[in-house]
Amino acid sequence: MPAIVGVAQVISLGNSAVFHIGDVYRISPVSNAKTFSGAGSFNTGDGLTVYNNQSSTNTYDQDAVDQGNYLNV
């Protein structure tokens, strides 16, 4: 069913975000990301103590594609 839309102000949209006004059949955004992090990077909590004396993160990736979004609609 059609709608009359007034003024719409978009300040920002994130990666793989969808801004839609009007009729739609299907919206399916697709995104992929690769994250490298060292030891203790994703630790959360109150009063957390982490000791990483010698830590290194290997970011060398020899393959071309890890997991694609091919035909993922």
N, C-alpha and C. Protein backbone atom coordinates (compact mmCIF):
# COMPACT_ATOMS: atom_id res chain seq x y z
N MET A 1 0.84 -1.16 0.00
CA MET A 1 0.00 0.00 0.00
C MET A 1 0.90 1.24 0.00
N PRO A 2 0.71 2.14 -0.93
CA PRO A 2 1.53 3.34 -1.01
C PRO A 2 1.32 4.25 0.20
N ALA A 3 2.37 5.00 0.50
CA ALA A 3 2.33 5.93 1.62
C ALA A 3 2.92 7.26 1.19
N ILE A 4 2.48 8.33 1.84
CA ILE A 4 3.03 9.65 1.60
C ILE A 4 3.98 9.94 2.76
N VAL A 5 5.24 10.18 2.41
CA VAL A 5 6.27 10.39 3.42
C VAL A 5 6.74 11.83 3.32
N GLY A 6 6.86 12.47 4.47
CA GLY A 6 7.35 13.85 4.51
C GLY A 6 8.86 13.89 4.43
N VAL A 7 9.46 14.82 5.12
CA VAL A 7 10.91 15.01 5.09
C VAL A 7 11.59 13.93 5.92
N ALA A 8 12.65 13.36 5.38
CA ALA A 8 13.45 12.38 6.09
C ALA A 8 14.90 12.84 6.06
N GLN A 9 15.50 12.99 7.23
CA GLN A 9 16.89 13.41 7.32
C GLN A 9 17.73 12.24 7.84
N VAL A 10 18.71 11.82 7.07
CA VAL A 10 19.59 10.72 7.44
C VAL A 10 20.95 11.32 7.77
N ILE A 11 21.37 11.17 9.00
CA ILE A 11 22.66 11.71 9.41
C ILE A 11 23.78 10.76 9.01
N SER A 12 23.64 9.49 9.31
CA SER A 12 24.66 8.52 8.91
C SER A 12 24.06 7.13 8.88
N LEU A 13 24.68 6.28 8.08
CA LEU A 13 24.32 4.87 8.01
C LEU A 13 25.58 4.05 8.19
N GLY A 14 25.47 2.96 8.91
CA GLY A 14 26.62 2.09 9.12
C GLY A 14 26.83 1.15 7.95
N ASN A 15 27.86 0.33 8.05
CA ASN A 15 28.14 -0.66 7.02
C ASN A 15 27.01 -1.67 6.96
N SER A 16 26.61 -2.01 5.78
CA SER A 16 25.51 -2.93 5.48
C SER A 16 24.20 -2.51 6.15
N ALA A 17 24.00 -1.21 6.33
CA ALA A 17 22.74 -0.70 6.88
C ALA A 17 21.72 -0.54 5.77
N VAL A 18 20.46 -0.49 6.15
CA VAL A 18 19.38 -0.34 5.18
C VAL A 18 18.52 0.85 5.58
N PHE A 19 18.33 1.78 4.65
CA PHE A 19 17.40 2.89 4.84
C PHE A 19 16.33 2.74 3.77
N HIS A 20 15.11 2.57 4.20
CA HIS A 20 14.05 2.24 3.25
C HIS A 20 12.82 3.09 3.51
N ILE A 21 12.29 3.65 2.44
CA ILE A 21 11.00 4.35 2.49
C ILE A 21 10.17 3.84 1.32
N GLY A 22 9.01 3.33 1.60
CA GLY A 22 8.13 2.87 0.53
C GLY A 22 7.89 1.37 0.57
N ASP A 23 7.31 0.87 -0.51
CA ASP A 23 7.00 -0.56 -0.60
C ASP A 23 8.26 -1.36 -0.93
N VAL A 24 8.30 -2.57 -0.43
CA VAL A 24 9.46 -3.42 -0.69
C VAL A 24 9.01 -4.88 -0.67
N TYR A 25 9.65 -5.69 -1.47
CA TYR A 25 9.37 -7.12 -1.47
C TYR A 25 10.29 -7.84 -0.48
N ARG A 26 11.60 -7.55 -0.56
CA ARG A 26 12.55 -8.20 0.33
C ARG A 26 13.78 -7.29 0.50
N ILE A 27 14.25 -7.16 1.74
CA ILE A 27 15.49 -6.46 2.04
C ILE A 27 16.42 -7.46 2.70
N SER A 28 17.58 -7.67 2.10
CA SER A 28 18.51 -8.64 2.67
C SER A 28 19.94 -8.12 2.53
N PRO A 29 20.39 -7.30 3.45
CA PRO A 29 21.77 -6.82 3.38
C PRO A 29 22.75 -7.94 3.73
N VAL A 30 23.92 -7.89 3.11
CA VAL A 30 24.93 -8.91 3.30
C VAL A 30 26.25 -8.21 3.61
N SER A 31 26.97 -8.73 4.59
CA SER A 31 28.24 -8.14 4.97
C SER A 31 29.17 -9.22 5.49
N ASN A 32 30.47 -8.99 5.37
CA ASN A 32 31.44 -9.89 5.98
C ASN A 32 32.61 -9.06 6.50
N ALA A 33 33.30 -9.59 7.49
CA ALA A 33 34.43 -8.89 8.09
C ALA A 33 35.42 -9.89 8.64
N LYS A 34 36.66 -9.47 8.72
CA LYS A 34 37.72 -10.29 9.31
C LYS A 34 38.34 -9.48 10.43
N THR A 35 38.44 -10.07 11.61
CA THR A 35 38.95 -9.37 12.78
C THR A 35 40.20 -10.07 13.29
N PHE A 36 41.26 -9.30 13.45
CA PHE A 36 42.48 -9.79 14.08
C PHE A 36 42.57 -9.16 15.46
N SER A 37 42.84 -9.95 16.47
CA SER A 37 42.97 -9.40 17.82
C SER A 37 43.99 -10.21 18.60
N GLY A 38 44.66 -9.55 19.51
CA GLY A 38 45.68 -10.20 20.31
C GLY A 38 45.08 -10.86 21.54
N ALA A 39 45.95 -11.41 22.37
CA ALA A 39 45.53 -12.09 23.58
C ALA A 39 44.88 -11.10 24.54
N GLY A 40 43.74 -11.47 25.08
CA GLY A 40 43.05 -10.63 26.05
C GLY A 40 42.26 -9.50 25.44
N SER A 41 42.01 -9.50 24.13
CA SER A 41 41.34 -8.39 23.48
C SER A 41 39.85 -8.32 23.79
N PHE A 42 39.18 -9.44 23.86
CA PHE A 42 37.73 -9.43 24.03
C PHE A 42 37.31 -9.80 25.45
N ASN A 43 38.19 -9.64 26.41
CA ASN A 43 37.84 -9.91 27.80
C ASN A 43 36.96 -8.79 28.34
N THR A 44 35.89 -9.15 29.02
CA THR A 44 35.02 -8.16 29.64
C THR A 44 34.72 -8.57 31.06
N GLY A 45 34.39 -7.61 31.89
CA GLY A 45 34.04 -7.92 33.27
C GLY A 45 34.52 -6.84 34.22
N ASP A 46 34.10 -6.92 35.47
CA ASP A 46 34.51 -5.98 36.50
C ASP A 46 35.72 -6.52 37.23
N GLY A 47 36.72 -5.70 37.42
CA GLY A 47 37.90 -6.11 38.17
C GLY A 47 38.73 -7.16 37.46
N LEU A 48 38.83 -7.08 36.15
CA LEU A 48 39.54 -8.07 35.36
C LEU A 48 41.04 -7.74 35.33
N THR A 49 41.86 -8.73 35.57
CA THR A 49 43.32 -8.57 35.49
C THR A 49 43.86 -9.59 34.50
N VAL A 50 44.53 -9.12 33.45
CA VAL A 50 45.07 -9.99 32.41
C VAL A 50 46.55 -9.71 32.27
N TYR A 51 47.37 -10.74 32.28
CA TYR A 51 48.81 -10.61 32.10
C TYR A 51 49.20 -11.29 30.79
N ASN A 52 49.61 -10.49 29.83
CA ASN A 52 50.08 -10.99 28.54
C ASN A 52 51.49 -10.45 28.33
N ASN A 53 52.46 -11.15 28.84
CA ASN A 53 53.82 -10.63 28.81
C ASN A 53 54.38 -10.57 27.39
N GLN A 54 54.34 -11.65 26.66
CA GLN A 54 54.83 -11.66 25.28
C GLN A 54 53.71 -12.17 24.40
N SER A 55 53.00 -11.25 23.79
CA SER A 55 51.86 -11.61 22.96
C SER A 55 52.04 -11.02 21.57
N SER A 56 51.76 -11.81 20.56
CA SER A 56 51.79 -11.30 19.18
C SER A 56 50.63 -11.92 18.42
N THR A 57 50.12 -11.18 17.46
CA THR A 57 49.00 -11.64 16.65
C THR A 57 49.48 -11.84 15.23
N ASN A 58 49.32 -13.04 14.71
CA ASN A 58 49.73 -13.36 13.35
C ASN A 58 48.61 -12.96 12.40
N THR A 59 48.85 -11.95 11.58
CA THR A 59 47.82 -11.47 10.64
C THR A 59 48.08 -11.94 9.22
N TYR A 60 49.04 -12.84 9.03
CA TYR A 60 49.30 -13.37 7.70
C TYR A 60 48.22 -14.38 7.34
N ASP A 61 47.54 -14.15 6.23
CA ASP A 61 46.47 -15.05 5.78
C ASP A 61 46.79 -15.47 4.35
N GLN A 62 47.15 -16.71 4.16
CA GLN A 62 47.62 -17.15 2.85
C GLN A 62 46.51 -17.53 1.88
N ASP A 63 45.29 -17.76 2.36
CA ASP A 63 44.23 -18.10 1.42
C ASP A 63 43.54 -16.82 0.94
N ALA A 64 42.92 -16.90 -0.22
CA ALA A 64 42.32 -15.71 -0.82
C ALA A 64 40.96 -15.39 -0.21
N VAL A 65 40.14 -16.40 0.02
CA VAL A 65 38.79 -16.18 0.51
C VAL A 65 38.54 -17.11 1.68
N ASP A 66 38.05 -16.56 2.79
CA ASP A 66 37.74 -17.40 3.95
C ASP A 66 36.32 -17.95 3.86
N GLN A 67 35.34 -17.07 3.84
CA GLN A 67 33.95 -17.47 3.70
C GLN A 67 33.23 -16.37 2.94
N GLY A 68 32.84 -16.66 1.74
CA GLY A 68 32.23 -15.65 0.88
C GLY A 68 30.73 -15.52 1.11
N ASN A 69 30.18 -14.46 0.58
CA ASN A 69 28.73 -14.23 0.63
C ASN A 69 28.10 -14.51 -0.72
N TYR A 70 28.64 -15.44 -1.46
CA TYR A 70 28.14 -15.73 -2.78
C TYR A 70 26.76 -16.38 -2.70
N LEU A 71 25.85 -15.87 -3.46
CA LEU A 71 24.48 -16.38 -3.54
C LEU A 71 23.78 -16.38 -2.18
N ASN A 72 24.19 -15.50 -1.29
CA ASN A 72 23.59 -15.41 0.04
C ASN A 72 22.56 -14.29 0.05
N VAL A 73 21.44 -14.53 -0.58
CA VAL A 73 20.38 -13.51 -0.63
C VAL A 73 19.10 -14.05 -0.05
